[in-house]
Amino acid sequence: MFQKSADKGYAESQNTLGTIYIKGWAGVKQDYGKAVKLLEKAVKSNHADACNNLGLLYRDGTGVKTRLQKAIELFPKGANLGSSSAVDNLAYMYYMGWGVEKNYEKNLELIEKSVKNDQKISNDWCKLPIFTLKGKK
């Protein structure tokens, strides 16, 4: 079902099927090559969650060579398209200093933006910079 609609260019199906290939769900053999190709197509169609999912693969080097700069390109795109997970992951990059200079202020700015937009903050680590910054003031 997902394969047919993914082949027709439906970004949601491309993202879903890409995720299935990443995880090896539903009896599908794990295949990062197929996952990346599907997610890249969905990213070209401006699918927010596909930007996040592909960014994670590049950030973590899961099935692909680690490319932090590629992740730094994908997370903001996904965030701007409405993915709260992409906001979380971009904030984490700033928190850890991966591919960017470590920046707690930028991290906090991204977290606050999510909260203002009523996006769910999905990671507990997001609360850490708030305490770090409060301690500096």
N, C-alpha and C. Protein backbone atom coordinates (compact mmCIF):
# COMPACT_ATOMS: atom_id res chain seq x y z
N MET A 1 0.83 -1.19 0.00
CA MET A 1 0.00 0.00 0.00
C MET A 1 0.87 1.26 0.00
N PHE A 2 1.82 1.35 0.95
CA PHE A 2 2.68 2.53 1.01
C PHE A 2 3.56 2.63 -0.22
N GLN A 3 4.02 1.47 -0.73
CA GLN A 3 4.92 1.48 -1.87
C GLN A 3 4.24 2.10 -3.10
N LYS A 4 2.99 1.73 -3.34
CA LYS A 4 2.28 2.26 -4.51
C LYS A 4 2.11 3.78 -4.41
N SER A 5 1.70 4.26 -3.25
CA SER A 5 1.50 5.71 -3.12
C SER A 5 2.84 6.44 -3.07
N ALA A 6 3.88 5.81 -2.52
CA ALA A 6 5.22 6.42 -2.52
C ALA A 6 5.72 6.55 -3.96
N ASP A 7 5.48 5.51 -4.77
CA ASP A 7 5.87 5.55 -6.18
C ASP A 7 5.14 6.64 -6.95
N LYS A 8 3.94 6.97 -6.51
CA LYS A 8 3.17 8.03 -7.16
C LYS A 8 3.58 9.43 -6.68
N GLY A 9 4.51 9.47 -5.71
CA GLY A 9 5.03 10.76 -5.28
C GLY A 9 4.41 11.35 -4.03
N TYR A 10 3.65 10.56 -3.30
CA TYR A 10 3.03 11.06 -2.08
C TYR A 10 4.08 11.10 -0.96
N ALA A 11 4.39 12.31 -0.52
CA ALA A 11 5.45 12.51 0.46
C ALA A 11 5.17 11.81 1.78
N GLU A 12 3.92 11.81 2.21
CA GLU A 12 3.59 11.15 3.48
C GLU A 12 3.90 9.66 3.41
N SER A 13 3.58 9.04 2.29
CA SER A 13 3.87 7.61 2.11
C SER A 13 5.38 7.38 1.98
N GLN A 14 6.07 8.28 1.32
CA GLN A 14 7.53 8.15 1.21
C GLN A 14 8.17 8.22 2.59
N ASN A 15 7.72 9.15 3.42
CA ASN A 15 8.25 9.26 4.77
C ASN A 15 7.92 8.02 5.60
N THR A 16 6.67 7.57 5.52
CA THR A 16 6.26 6.40 6.30
C THR A 16 7.02 5.16 5.87
N LEU A 17 7.11 4.94 4.57
CA LEU A 17 7.83 3.76 4.08
C LEU A 17 9.32 3.86 4.40
N GLY A 18 9.87 5.06 4.30
CA GLY A 18 11.27 5.27 4.68
C GLY A 18 11.50 4.89 6.13
N THR A 19 10.57 5.28 7.00
CA THR A 19 10.67 4.95 8.41
C THR A 19 10.56 3.44 8.63
N ILE A 20 9.69 2.80 7.88
CA ILE A 20 9.55 1.34 7.98
C ILE A 20 10.86 0.66 7.59
N TYR A 21 11.52 1.16 6.54
CA TYR A 21 12.82 0.59 6.14
C TYR A 21 13.89 0.86 7.19
N ILE A 22 13.85 1.99 7.83
CA ILE A 22 14.83 2.29 8.90
C ILE A 22 14.67 1.31 10.05
N LYS A 23 13.45 1.10 10.46
CA LYS A 23 13.18 0.29 11.65
C LYS A 23 13.07 -1.20 11.36
N GLY A 24 12.80 -1.55 10.11
CA GLY A 24 12.57 -2.96 9.79
C GLY A 24 11.24 -3.45 10.35
N TRP A 25 10.24 -2.61 10.28
CA TRP A 25 8.92 -2.93 10.81
C TRP A 25 8.08 -3.69 9.79
N ALA A 26 7.00 -4.27 10.28
CA ALA A 26 5.95 -4.89 9.46
C ALA A 26 6.50 -5.96 8.52
N GLY A 27 7.50 -6.68 8.99
CA GLY A 27 8.05 -7.75 8.19
C GLY A 27 8.93 -7.29 7.03
N VAL A 28 9.22 -5.99 6.98
CA VAL A 28 10.07 -5.44 5.93
C VAL A 28 11.51 -5.50 6.40
N LYS A 29 12.40 -5.96 5.54
CA LYS A 29 13.82 -6.04 5.89
C LYS A 29 14.39 -4.62 6.00
N GLN A 30 15.16 -4.40 7.05
CA GLN A 30 15.79 -3.10 7.26
C GLN A 30 16.70 -2.79 6.06
N ASP A 31 16.52 -1.59 5.49
CA ASP A 31 17.31 -1.20 4.32
C ASP A 31 17.49 0.31 4.33
N TYR A 32 18.65 0.74 4.82
CA TYR A 32 18.91 2.18 4.93
C TYR A 32 19.02 2.86 3.58
N GLY A 33 19.54 2.16 2.59
CA GLY A 33 19.65 2.74 1.25
C GLY A 33 18.28 3.13 0.70
N LYS A 34 17.32 2.21 0.81
CA LYS A 34 15.96 2.51 0.35
C LYS A 34 15.33 3.60 1.20
N ALA A 35 15.61 3.57 2.51
CA ALA A 35 15.05 4.58 3.40
C ALA A 35 15.54 5.98 3.01
N VAL A 36 16.82 6.11 2.78
CA VAL A 36 17.39 7.41 2.42
C VAL A 36 16.79 7.92 1.11
N LYS A 37 16.68 7.06 0.12
CA LYS A 37 16.12 7.48 -1.18
C LYS A 37 14.67 7.97 -1.02
N LEU A 38 13.89 7.25 -0.23
CA LEU A 38 12.50 7.65 -0.01
C LEU A 38 12.41 8.96 0.77
N LEU A 39 13.22 9.08 1.81
CA LEU A 39 13.19 10.30 2.62
C LEU A 39 13.67 11.50 1.81
N GLU A 40 14.67 11.31 0.97
CA GLU A 40 15.14 12.42 0.12
C GLU A 40 14.03 12.92 -0.79
N LYS A 41 13.25 11.99 -1.35
CA LYS A 41 12.13 12.40 -2.19
C LYS A 41 11.10 13.19 -1.39
N ALA A 42 10.80 12.72 -0.19
CA ALA A 42 9.83 13.42 0.66
C ALA A 42 10.35 14.79 1.09
N VAL A 43 11.65 14.89 1.34
CA VAL A 43 12.26 16.19 1.71
C VAL A 43 12.10 17.17 0.55
N LYS A 44 12.31 16.69 -0.68
CA LYS A 44 12.15 17.56 -1.86
C LYS A 44 10.72 18.07 -1.99
N SER A 45 9.78 17.31 -1.43
CA SER A 45 8.37 17.73 -1.44
C SER A 45 8.01 18.51 -0.18
N ASN A 46 9.04 18.91 0.58
CA ASN A 46 8.84 19.72 1.80
C ASN A 46 8.02 19.01 2.88
N HIS A 47 8.31 17.75 3.10
CA HIS A 47 7.67 17.00 4.18
C HIS A 47 8.47 17.22 5.46
N ALA A 48 7.85 17.84 6.46
CA ALA A 48 8.54 18.25 7.69
C ALA A 48 9.18 17.08 8.42
N ASP A 49 8.42 16.01 8.63
CA ASP A 49 8.94 14.87 9.39
C ASP A 49 10.03 14.12 8.62
N ALA A 50 9.96 14.13 7.30
CA ALA A 50 11.02 13.50 6.51
C ALA A 50 12.33 14.27 6.68
N CYS A 51 12.25 15.59 6.77
CA CYS A 51 13.46 16.39 7.04
C CYS A 51 14.07 15.97 8.36
N ASN A 52 13.24 15.80 9.37
CA ASN A 52 13.73 15.37 10.68
C ASN A 52 14.31 13.96 10.61
N ASN A 53 13.60 13.04 10.00
CA ASN A 53 14.04 11.65 9.96
C ASN A 53 15.35 11.48 9.20
N LEU A 54 15.48 12.17 8.08
CA LEU A 54 16.72 12.09 7.32
C LEU A 54 17.84 12.80 8.08
N GLY A 55 17.52 13.90 8.74
CA GLY A 55 18.50 14.60 9.57
C GLY A 55 19.05 13.71 10.67
N LEU A 56 18.18 12.91 11.27
CA LEU A 56 18.63 11.98 12.32
C LEU A 56 19.61 10.95 11.78
N LEU A 57 19.32 10.43 10.59
CA LEU A 57 20.24 9.44 10.00
C LEU A 57 21.62 10.06 9.80
N TYR A 58 21.65 11.28 9.26
CA TYR A 58 22.94 11.94 9.02
C TYR A 58 23.61 12.35 10.32
N ARG A 59 22.84 12.80 11.30
CA ARG A 59 23.43 13.21 12.57
C ARG A 59 24.08 12.03 13.28
N ASP A 60 23.36 10.91 13.31
CA ASP A 60 23.81 9.75 14.08
C ASP A 60 24.66 8.78 13.27
N GLY A 61 24.71 8.98 11.95
CA GLY A 61 25.47 8.04 11.12
C GLY A 61 24.81 6.68 11.06
N THR A 62 23.49 6.66 11.07
CA THR A 62 22.74 5.40 11.04
C THR A 62 22.50 5.00 9.59
N GLY A 63 23.25 4.02 9.14
CA GLY A 63 23.08 3.52 7.78
C GLY A 63 23.71 4.41 6.71
N VAL A 64 24.25 5.53 7.12
CA VAL A 64 24.91 6.47 6.22
C VAL A 64 26.14 7.03 6.94
N LYS A 65 27.00 7.69 6.19
CA LYS A 65 28.14 8.35 6.80
C LYS A 65 27.63 9.55 7.62
N THR A 66 28.17 9.74 8.81
CA THR A 66 27.78 10.89 9.62
C THR A 66 28.11 12.17 8.86
N ARG A 67 27.10 13.03 8.72
CA ARG A 67 27.27 14.32 8.03
C ARG A 67 26.51 15.36 8.84
N LEU A 68 27.19 15.91 9.84
CA LEU A 68 26.54 16.88 10.73
C LEU A 68 26.05 18.11 9.98
N GLN A 69 26.80 18.54 8.97
CA GLN A 69 26.38 19.72 8.21
C GLN A 69 25.07 19.46 7.46
N LYS A 70 24.90 18.25 6.99
CA LYS A 70 23.65 17.89 6.31
C LYS A 70 22.50 17.90 7.31
N ALA A 71 22.74 17.39 8.51
CA ALA A 71 21.71 17.42 9.56
C ALA A 71 21.36 18.86 9.91
N ILE A 72 22.37 19.72 9.98
CA ILE A 72 22.15 21.13 10.31
C ILE A 72 21.33 21.83 9.21
N GLU A 73 21.37 21.34 8.01
CA GLU A 73 20.52 21.88 6.93
C GLU A 73 19.09 21.34 7.04
N LEU A 74 18.97 20.07 7.38
CA LEU A 74 17.65 19.42 7.37
C LEU A 74 16.79 19.79 8.58
N PHE A 75 17.36 19.87 9.78
CA PHE A 75 16.56 20.16 10.96
C PHE A 75 15.86 21.53 10.88
N PRO A 76 16.56 22.60 10.50
CA PRO A 76 15.85 23.89 10.39
C PRO A 76 14.74 23.87 9.33
N LYS A 77 15.00 23.16 8.22
CA LYS A 77 13.97 23.06 7.19
C LYS A 77 12.73 22.37 7.76
N GLY A 78 12.94 21.25 8.44
CA GLY A 78 11.83 20.54 9.06
C GLY A 78 11.14 21.38 10.12
N ALA A 79 11.93 22.11 10.91
CA ALA A 79 11.36 22.98 11.95
C ALA A 79 10.49 24.06 11.32
N ASN A 80 10.98 24.68 10.26
CA ASN A 80 10.22 25.73 9.58
C ASN A 80 8.95 25.20 8.92
N LEU A 81 8.96 23.92 8.60
CA LEU A 81 7.77 23.29 8.01
C LEU A 81 6.80 22.76 9.06
N GLY A 82 7.21 22.85 10.36
CA GLY A 82 6.28 22.50 11.42
C GLY A 82 6.59 21.25 12.23
N SER A 83 7.75 20.66 12.06
CA SER A 83 8.10 19.46 12.83
C SER A 83 8.68 19.85 14.18
N SER A 84 7.95 19.55 15.25
CA SER A 84 8.46 19.84 16.59
C SER A 84 9.67 18.96 16.90
N SER A 85 9.71 17.77 16.34
CA SER A 85 10.87 16.90 16.55
C SER A 85 12.12 17.50 15.91
N ALA A 86 11.97 18.14 14.77
CA ALA A 86 13.11 18.79 14.12
C ALA A 86 13.61 19.96 14.97
N VAL A 87 12.69 20.69 15.60
CA VAL A 87 13.08 21.77 16.51
C VAL A 87 13.88 21.19 17.67
N ASP A 88 13.36 20.13 18.28
CA ASP A 88 14.06 19.46 19.39
C ASP A 88 15.46 19.03 18.96
N ASN A 89 15.56 18.42 17.80
CA ASN A 89 16.86 17.90 17.35
C ASN A 89 17.83 19.01 16.99
N LEU A 90 17.33 20.09 16.42
CA LEU A 90 18.19 21.24 16.14
C LEU A 90 18.68 21.86 17.45
N ALA A 91 17.77 21.99 18.41
CA ALA A 91 18.14 22.53 19.72
C ALA A 91 19.22 21.65 20.35
N TYR A 92 19.07 20.35 20.20
CA TYR A 92 20.06 19.41 20.77
C TYR A 92 21.42 19.59 20.11
N MET A 93 21.45 19.85 18.82
CA MET A 93 22.71 20.09 18.13
C MET A 93 23.42 21.30 18.74
N TYR A 94 22.66 22.35 19.03
CA TYR A 94 23.25 23.54 19.66
C TYR A 94 23.66 23.24 21.10
N TYR A 95 22.87 22.46 21.79
CA TYR A 95 23.18 22.11 23.17
C TYR A 95 24.50 21.31 23.26
N MET A 96 24.66 20.38 22.34
CA MET A 96 25.84 19.51 22.35
C MET A 96 27.03 20.11 21.58
N GLY A 97 26.76 21.08 20.71
CA GLY A 97 27.82 21.63 19.88
C GLY A 97 28.21 20.70 18.74
N TRP A 98 27.23 19.99 18.21
CA TRP A 98 27.48 19.07 17.09
C TRP A 98 27.22 19.78 15.77
N GLY A 99 28.27 20.02 15.00
CA GLY A 99 28.14 20.66 13.70
C GLY A 99 27.95 22.17 13.79
N VAL A 100 27.79 22.67 14.98
CA VAL A 100 27.65 24.10 15.25
C VAL A 100 28.40 24.39 16.56
N GLU A 101 28.65 25.66 16.80
CA GLU A 101 29.26 26.03 18.07
C GLU A 101 28.24 25.81 19.19
N LYS A 102 28.68 25.24 20.30
CA LYS A 102 27.80 25.02 21.44
C LYS A 102 27.21 26.37 21.84
N ASN A 103 25.87 26.41 21.97
CA ASN A 103 25.21 27.69 22.21
C ASN A 103 23.93 27.44 23.00
N TYR A 104 24.00 27.60 24.32
CA TYR A 104 22.84 27.38 25.17
C TYR A 104 21.74 28.41 24.91
N GLU A 105 22.13 29.63 24.56
CA GLU A 105 21.13 30.66 24.28
C GLU A 105 20.30 30.31 23.06
N LYS A 106 20.96 29.85 22.00
CA LYS A 106 20.25 29.44 20.78
C LYS A 106 19.37 28.22 21.07
N ASN A 107 19.89 27.31 21.86
CA ASN A 107 19.14 26.14 22.28
C ASN A 107 17.86 26.56 22.98
N LEU A 108 17.98 27.46 23.93
CA LEU A 108 16.83 27.92 24.69
C LEU A 108 15.84 28.68 23.80
N GLU A 109 16.38 29.47 22.87
CA GLU A 109 15.52 30.20 21.93
C GLU A 109 14.65 29.24 21.11
N LEU A 110 15.24 28.16 20.66
CA LEU A 110 14.49 27.16 19.89
C LEU A 110 13.43 26.48 20.74
N ILE A 111 13.78 26.17 21.97
CA ILE A 111 12.82 25.54 22.87
C ILE A 111 11.65 26.48 23.16
N GLU A 112 11.97 27.75 23.42
CA GLU A 112 10.92 28.73 23.69
C GLU A 112 10.01 28.93 22.48
N LYS A 113 10.60 28.91 21.29
CA LYS A 113 9.81 29.03 20.05
C LYS A 113 8.81 27.88 19.95
N SER A 114 9.25 26.68 20.28
CA SER A 114 8.36 25.52 20.25
C SER A 114 7.21 25.68 21.21
N VAL A 115 7.54 26.14 22.41
CA VAL A 115 6.51 26.31 23.43
C VAL A 115 5.51 27.38 23.00
N LYS A 116 6.00 28.48 22.44
CA LYS A 116 5.11 29.56 21.97
C LYS A 116 4.17 29.07 20.87
N ASN A 117 4.67 28.16 20.05
CA ASN A 117 3.87 27.62 18.95
C ASN A 117 3.05 26.41 19.37
N ASP A 118 2.97 26.18 20.68
CA ASP A 118 2.22 25.05 21.24
C ASP A 118 2.71 23.70 20.73
N GLN A 119 3.98 23.63 20.39
CA GLN A 119 4.55 22.36 19.98
C GLN A 119 5.03 21.63 21.23
N LYS A 120 4.86 20.34 21.22
CA LYS A 120 5.27 19.52 22.35
C LYS A 120 6.79 19.37 22.35
N ILE A 121 7.38 19.63 23.51
CA ILE A 121 8.81 19.36 23.68
C ILE A 121 8.92 17.90 24.12
N SER A 122 9.55 17.10 23.29
CA SER A 122 9.50 15.66 23.51
C SER A 122 10.68 15.12 24.32
N ASN A 123 11.67 15.93 24.58
CA ASN A 123 12.85 15.41 25.26
C ASN A 123 13.10 16.14 26.58
N ASP A 124 13.34 15.39 27.63
CA ASP A 124 13.61 15.99 28.94
C ASP A 124 14.88 16.82 28.94
N TRP A 125 15.87 16.47 28.11
CA TRP A 125 17.12 17.21 28.10
C TRP A 125 16.89 18.68 27.75
N CYS A 126 15.77 18.98 27.08
CA CYS A 126 15.49 20.36 26.68
C CYS A 126 15.36 21.29 27.88
N LYS A 127 15.06 20.73 29.03
CA LYS A 127 14.92 21.55 30.24
C LYS A 127 16.26 21.94 30.82
N LEU A 128 17.33 21.23 30.51
CA LEU A 128 18.63 21.48 31.10
C LEU A 128 19.19 22.87 30.83
N PRO A 129 19.12 23.39 29.60
CA PRO A 129 19.68 24.72 29.35
C PRO A 129 18.98 25.82 30.15
N ILE A 130 17.71 25.63 30.45
CA ILE A 130 16.99 26.64 31.23
C ILE A 130 17.67 26.80 32.59
N PHE A 131 18.00 25.69 33.23
CA PHE A 131 18.67 25.75 34.52
C PHE A 131 20.09 26.29 34.36
N THR A 132 20.77 25.92 33.29
CA THR A 132 22.13 26.40 33.03
C THR A 132 22.12 27.91 32.88
N LEU A 133 21.19 28.44 32.08
CA LEU A 133 21.14 29.88 31.85
C LEU A 133 20.71 30.64 33.10
N LYS A 134 19.77 30.10 33.84
CA LYS A 134 19.32 30.75 35.07
C LYS A 134 20.47 30.86 36.06
N GLY A 135 21.34 29.87 36.07
CA GLY A 135 22.49 29.89 36.96
C GLY A 135 23.50 30.94 36.58
N LYS A 136 23.53 31.36 35.29
CA LYS A 136 24.48 32.36 34.81
C LYS A 136 24.04 33.78 35.10
N LYS A 137 22.74 33.97 35.30
CA LYS A 137 22.21 35.33 35.45
C LYS A 137 22.29 35.81 36.87
